Every structure is written in structure tokens, then in C-alpha cells.
Amino acid sequence: MLPRGPLRPPQRGGEGLGGREGRLRPGEGREAVLIRPILPAILLLAAAAAAAPAPAAPAGPDVLLALARIRDGVLRFEDRSLPEPFRTRIEAINLDMRDLATEGTLPAEIRLDYVTDAGEKFTHEDVLRLAPFEFTGNLQFDSIRLSRYAPYLAAAIPGGSISNGSLSGSAQYRVTVDKNGEPLVEVSSESLALRDFALMLKGAKAPALSVPELDVRGAMLDLGGRSVRVAGVDLKG
């Protein structure tokens, strides 16, 4: 038997993301039916966007200094912070620096030499890399007059002062930075030559210590441990 009453088309039983799709509710337009299934998807996308990490800050500009050069420069220096002011004039300054870059593994090459007004000669040959930071080099020096730097050495020699002496030789150094940003410094010297050294005590008329010749080989300086290791020493006089 056929069912009584008018025939109606079968309703769709599928459930959308936002409810039933087949029949409009009273007062509801077709737009509401289309929006209801989309709202949950929009909310999911918004939550995912909020949980996503923020974009990384843009990297800074890359800088390359291909060549820097100074010829016959002059520098006057005066330190008034000491009990006895220290003054010096540095002249015949010659500097060559190549390929200083903020990025890349290629380090910059630096050569610097100069002479002080006391006739002291210095020559630097260095290599510098900015990222990661590393500075290594070799310093050659000749005829450093120790008595000129007595104001800086006064704290290390209480009650005494260096009245004479010259120092020549070389020094090798390396400076890096650890993971905490603290500098790590390594200093060594293949050879040091001390000549005509004299130490005076306060009020004395004659040197308390005289060293005509002292040669040091293979010195290693540990700044962190405050220690010095020496491979050999030759003393005369």
C-alpha cells in the first residue's frame, strides 16, 4: 500500500561542520546556511596562527671593508688619571687592513707599525674575524724603555721604581669569546730580551737590583690562572 498524504522528497541526513544542511530555520536566509559550516574552520585556522612562532627578525646588513690604509700618521697621547701624568707621541703610523667583513669565514688581515718619540718600535701582524669573533696576532717590539712606564708599574712595585732598562722581543696573542660572552685571552712569547735593568727603592741612592742581560725563551702567560710558564732563562751579570 502507498502511504497516505502528499509525497515529499527525502531529506539529506548528512551533518555539516555547523549543523544540518538541508532545511532553513525560520527567519534564516541562505547566507546563514553557508556560513555555519565555515565558522569552525575559521576558528581552527585562527588558533593555529596564534600558536605559530613569530617570524625571525630580519638580519642586519652585510658590510665589507675591502681596504683601509694610513700612512705616516701621528698620534699624541696623554693620561692624566695617574699620580704622574703619562705623555707620549706616536708617529710614523702605517696601517693596512684588508677584507674586514661582518659575515663569512674569511678573516681580515691587519698590519700596523709605528715608532714612539722615545725611539721604541712596534710591528703588528694580525688576523681578525668578527663572527664568530677571533683575534690573533704577532707583535714585534724593540727597545721599550721601561722607566717611561713607571707610573703604570708603580702598583706592581710598591716602594720601588724602575730607573733603567729596555725590553725587546715578540709576543703572540689570541682572543676569542666563550658561549657566555666572556673573552678568552692567550698570550705567549718566543723570546724576550731585557737589558740594563735597574730597580730603585724609595730613598735609596743605588739600585737594589741590577740585571745587565736577561733572555727568556718560550714564555706562556695564563691570565685566568694568573700564572707564567717559561721554557728557558739565560742570565748574565
Protein backbone atom coordinates (compact mmCIF):
# COMPACT_ATOMS: atom_id res chain seq x y z
CA MET A 1 0.00 0.00 0.00
CA LEU A 2 1.10 3.52 -0.70
CA PRO A 3 1.42 5.86 2.26
CA ARG A 4 -1.35 8.37 2.71
CA GLY A 5 -0.77 12.08 2.27
CA PRO A 6 1.28 14.11 -0.20
CA LEU A 7 4.63 12.81 -1.35
CA ARG A 8 7.72 14.71 -0.04
CA PRO A 9 11.30 14.42 -1.30
CA PRO A 10 13.61 12.59 1.08
CA GLN A 11 15.73 14.81 3.37
CA ARG A 12 19.52 14.66 3.31
CA GLY A 13 20.82 13.19 6.50
CA GLY A 14 24.46 14.39 6.28
CA GLU A 15 25.61 16.69 9.09
CA GLY A 16 27.83 19.63 8.17
CA LEU A 17 30.53 21.14 10.34
CA GLY A 18 27.96 23.62 11.62
CA GLY A 19 24.72 21.54 11.74
CA ARG A 20 22.16 20.16 9.29
CA GLU A 21 22.41 21.49 5.74
CA GLY A 22 19.07 20.58 4.19
CA ARG A 23 16.43 22.79 5.82
CA LEU A 24 16.34 26.52 6.60
CA ARG A 25 15.35 27.56 10.09
CA PRO A 26 12.59 30.14 10.46
CA GLY A 27 13.91 33.63 9.67
CA GLU A 28 17.19 32.23 8.33
CA GLY A 29 18.49 33.06 4.88
CA ARG A 30 20.61 31.01 2.55
CA GLU A 31 23.71 33.02 3.68
CA ALA A 32 23.45 31.69 7.23
CA VAL A 33 23.33 28.13 5.95
CA LEU A 34 26.57 28.70 4.02
CA ILE A 35 28.36 30.45 6.90
CA ARG A 36 27.54 27.95 9.64
CA PRO A 37 29.80 25.15 8.32
CA ILE A 38 32.71 27.59 7.69
CA LEU A 39 32.91 29.17 11.17
CA PRO A 40 34.59 26.20 12.94
CA ALA A 41 37.22 26.02 10.20
CA ILE A 42 37.97 29.74 10.59
CA LEU A 43 38.34 29.33 14.36
CA LEU A 44 40.77 26.43 13.87
CA LEU A 45 42.89 28.48 11.47
CA ALA A 46 42.95 31.43 13.89
CA ALA A 47 44.09 29.20 16.75
CA ALA A 48 46.83 27.70 14.60
CA ALA A 49 48.05 31.16 13.57
CA ALA A 50 48.16 32.32 17.19
CA ALA A 51 50.23 29.28 18.18
CA ALA A 52 52.70 29.67 15.32
CA PRO A 53 56.10 31.19 16.25
CA ALA A 54 56.71 34.82 15.40
CA PRO A 55 58.80 35.39 12.26
CA ALA A 56 62.52 35.86 12.89
CA ALA A 57 63.86 39.40 12.95
CA PRO A 58 65.46 40.39 9.66
CA ALA A 59 69.23 40.03 9.55
CA GLY A 60 71.38 43.15 9.64
CA PRO A 61 73.18 44.42 6.58
CA ASP A 62 76.38 42.73 5.44
CA VAL A 63 79.36 45.10 5.41
CA LEU A 64 82.73 44.55 3.74
CA LEU A 65 85.62 46.97 4.20
CA ALA A 66 87.86 45.92 1.34
CA LEU A 67 90.81 48.18 2.13
CA ALA A 68 91.79 50.76 4.76
CA ARG A 69 95.17 52.46 4.76
CA ILE A 70 97.07 55.05 6.86
CA ARG A 71 100.49 56.43 6.00
CA ASP A 72 102.79 58.50 8.26
CA GLY A 73 100.10 59.09 10.88
CA VAL A 74 100.78 60.94 14.14
CA LEU A 75 99.05 60.42 17.49
CA ARG A 76 99.56 62.34 20.73
CA PHE A 77 98.55 60.57 23.93
CA GLU A 78 98.26 61.92 27.47
CA ASP A 79 96.93 60.04 30.51
CA ARG A 80 96.09 62.34 33.44
CA SER A 81 94.41 59.66 35.54
CA LEU A 82 97.75 58.61 37.07
CA PRO A 83 99.53 60.30 40.01
CA GLU A 84 102.23 61.20 37.49
CA PRO A 85 100.71 62.03 34.07
CA PHE A 86 101.99 59.92 31.20
CA ARG A 87 102.62 61.54 27.81
CA THR A 88 103.87 60.14 24.55
CA ARG A 89 103.85 60.88 20.83
CA ILE A 90 103.35 58.03 18.37
CA GLU A 91 104.48 58.78 14.84
CA ALA A 92 105.28 57.09 11.51
CA ILE A 93 102.00 55.17 11.86
CA ASN A 94 101.42 52.86 8.90
CA LEU A 95 98.28 50.71 8.72
CA ASP A 96 96.99 48.28 6.09
CA MET A 97 93.72 46.42 6.71
CA ARG A 98 92.04 44.21 4.11
CA ASP A 99 88.71 42.36 3.87
CA LEU A 100 87.07 43.25 7.17
CA ALA A 101 83.57 41.70 6.89
CA THR A 102 80.60 41.27 9.21
CA GLU A 103 79.75 37.91 7.60
CA GLY A 104 81.71 34.98 6.21
CA THR A 105 84.65 32.90 7.32
CA LEU A 106 87.32 34.96 5.55
CA PRO A 107 89.23 36.94 8.25
CA ALA A 108 90.64 40.41 7.84
CA GLU A 109 94.39 40.90 7.58
CA ILE A 110 95.93 43.78 9.53
CA ARG A 111 99.47 45.14 9.51
CA LEU A 112 100.40 48.06 11.75
CA ASP A 113 103.77 49.60 12.60
CA TYR A 114 104.74 52.77 14.44
CA VAL A 115 107.51 54.46 16.42
CA THR A 116 107.26 56.43 19.67
CA ASP A 117 109.05 59.67 20.45
CA ALA A 118 111.44 57.61 22.62
CA GLY A 119 112.58 55.50 19.65
CA GLU A 120 110.52 52.43 20.58
CA LYS A 121 109.45 50.40 17.53
CA PHE A 122 106.33 48.23 17.24
CA THR A 123 105.10 45.98 14.41
CA HIS A 124 101.75 44.14 14.49
CA GLU A 125 100.64 41.40 12.09
CA ASP A 126 97.08 40.39 13.00
CA VAL A 127 94.09 38.44 11.73
CA LEU A 128 90.56 39.50 12.77
CA ARG A 129 87.23 37.74 12.29
CA LEU A 130 84.05 39.37 13.60
CA ALA A 131 81.54 36.49 13.52
CA PRO A 132 82.37 34.34 15.37
CA PHE A 133 84.85 36.72 17.00
CA GLU A 134 88.52 35.73 16.89
CA PHE A 135 91.57 37.97 17.01
CA THR A 136 95.06 36.51 16.65
CA GLY A 137 98.34 38.22 16.03
CA ASN A 138 102.05 38.65 16.47
CA LEU A 139 103.77 41.72 17.92
CA GLN A 140 107.44 42.55 17.43
CA PHE A 141 108.85 45.29 19.65
CA ASP A 142 112.29 46.82 20.04
CA SER A 143 113.90 48.96 22.75
CA ILE A 144 110.90 49.61 25.00
CA ARG A 145 112.15 51.97 27.72
CA LEU A 146 110.67 50.58 30.92
CA SER A 147 111.35 53.68 33.02
CA ARG A 148 108.87 55.65 30.87
CA TYR A 149 106.06 53.38 32.04
CA ALA A 150 106.92 53.61 35.74
CA PRO A 151 103.54 55.28 36.55
CA TYR A 152 101.72 52.17 35.31
CA LEU A 153 104.09 49.79 37.12
CA ALA A 154 104.00 51.61 40.46
CA ALA A 155 101.16 49.46 41.83
CA ALA A 156 103.10 46.28 41.00
CA ILE A 157 106.29 47.54 42.70
CA PRO A 158 105.26 49.17 46.00
CA GLY A 159 108.13 51.16 47.48
CA GLY A 160 110.23 50.84 44.34
CA SER A 161 110.56 52.08 40.78
CA ILE A 162 112.31 51.05 37.57
CA SER A 163 115.06 53.54 36.90
CA ASN A 164 116.52 51.92 33.78
CA GLY A 165 116.10 49.04 31.36
CA SER A 166 114.97 48.21 27.84
CA LEU A 167 112.89 45.30 26.57
CA SER A 168 112.88 43.76 23.08
CA GLY A 169 111.26 40.64 21.70
CA SER A 170 107.96 39.29 20.43
CA ALA A 171 104.52 38.34 21.70
CA GLN A 172 101.80 36.14 20.25
CA TYR A 173 98.17 36.53 21.32
CA ARG A 174 94.73 35.09 20.65
CA VAL A 175 91.39 36.49 21.84
CA THR A 176 88.06 34.63 21.49
CA VAL A 177 84.66 34.80 23.19
CA ASP A 178 83.01 31.89 25.03
CA LYS A 179 79.30 30.98 24.95
CA ASN A 180 78.60 33.39 27.83
CA GLY A 181 80.19 36.32 26.02
CA GLU A 182 83.31 36.36 28.20
CA PRO A 183 86.68 36.99 26.49
CA LEU A 184 89.31 34.25 26.48
CA VAL A 185 92.88 35.56 26.14
CA GLU A 186 96.02 33.55 25.37
CA VAL A 187 99.45 35.23 25.41
CA SER A 188 102.87 33.74 24.70
CA SER A 189 106.35 34.89 23.74
CA GLU A 190 109.03 33.09 21.81
CA SER A 191 111.78 35.39 23.07
CA LEU A 192 112.27 38.36 25.40
CA ALA A 193 115.50 40.29 25.91
CA LEU A 194 115.92 42.56 28.95
CA ARG A 195 118.96 44.85 29.00
CA ASP A 196 120.47 47.14 31.67
CA PHE A 197 117.60 46.73 34.09
CA ALA A 198 117.76 48.64 37.39
CA LEU A 199 115.27 48.70 40.27
CA MET A 200 115.46 51.53 42.81
CA LEU A 201 113.89 51.53 46.26
CA LYS A 202 112.36 54.69 47.63
CA GLY A 203 115.04 56.91 49.20
CA ALA A 204 117.94 54.72 48.04
CA LYS A 205 120.90 56.13 46.11
CA ALA A 206 121.97 52.88 44.45
CA PRO A 207 119.87 50.28 42.63
CA ALA A 208 118.55 47.48 44.79
CA LEU A 209 118.59 45.16 41.79
CA SER A 210 120.63 45.32 38.59
CA VAL A 211 120.34 42.93 35.64
CA PRO A 212 122.72 43.61 32.73
CA GLU A 213 121.31 40.87 30.45
CA LEU A 214 118.32 38.56 30.78
CA ASP A 215 116.93 36.41 27.95
CA VAL A 216 113.67 34.47 28.27
CA ARG A 217 112.53 31.74 25.86
CA GLY A 218 109.14 30.12 25.40
CA ALA A 219 107.06 32.10 27.90
CA MET A 220 103.35 31.26 28.34
CA LEU A 221 101.04 33.62 30.24
CA ASP A 222 97.74 32.35 31.69
CA LEU A 223 95.67 35.43 32.51
CA GLY A 224 92.80 33.46 34.02
CA GLY A 225 95.02 31.40 36.29
CA ARG A 226 97.49 34.27 36.85
CA SER A 227 100.48 32.07 36.14
CA VAL A 228 103.56 32.16 33.89
CA ARG A 229 105.47 29.23 32.41
CA VAL A 230 108.95 29.67 30.96
CA ALA A 231 110.93 27.19 28.85
CA GLY A 232 114.35 28.72 29.50
CA VAL A 233 116.19 31.69 31.04
CA ASP A 234 119.71 32.99 30.40
CA LEU A 235 121.10 35.50 32.91
CA LYS A 236 124.36 37.40 32.70
CA GLY A 237 125.88 39.79 35.22
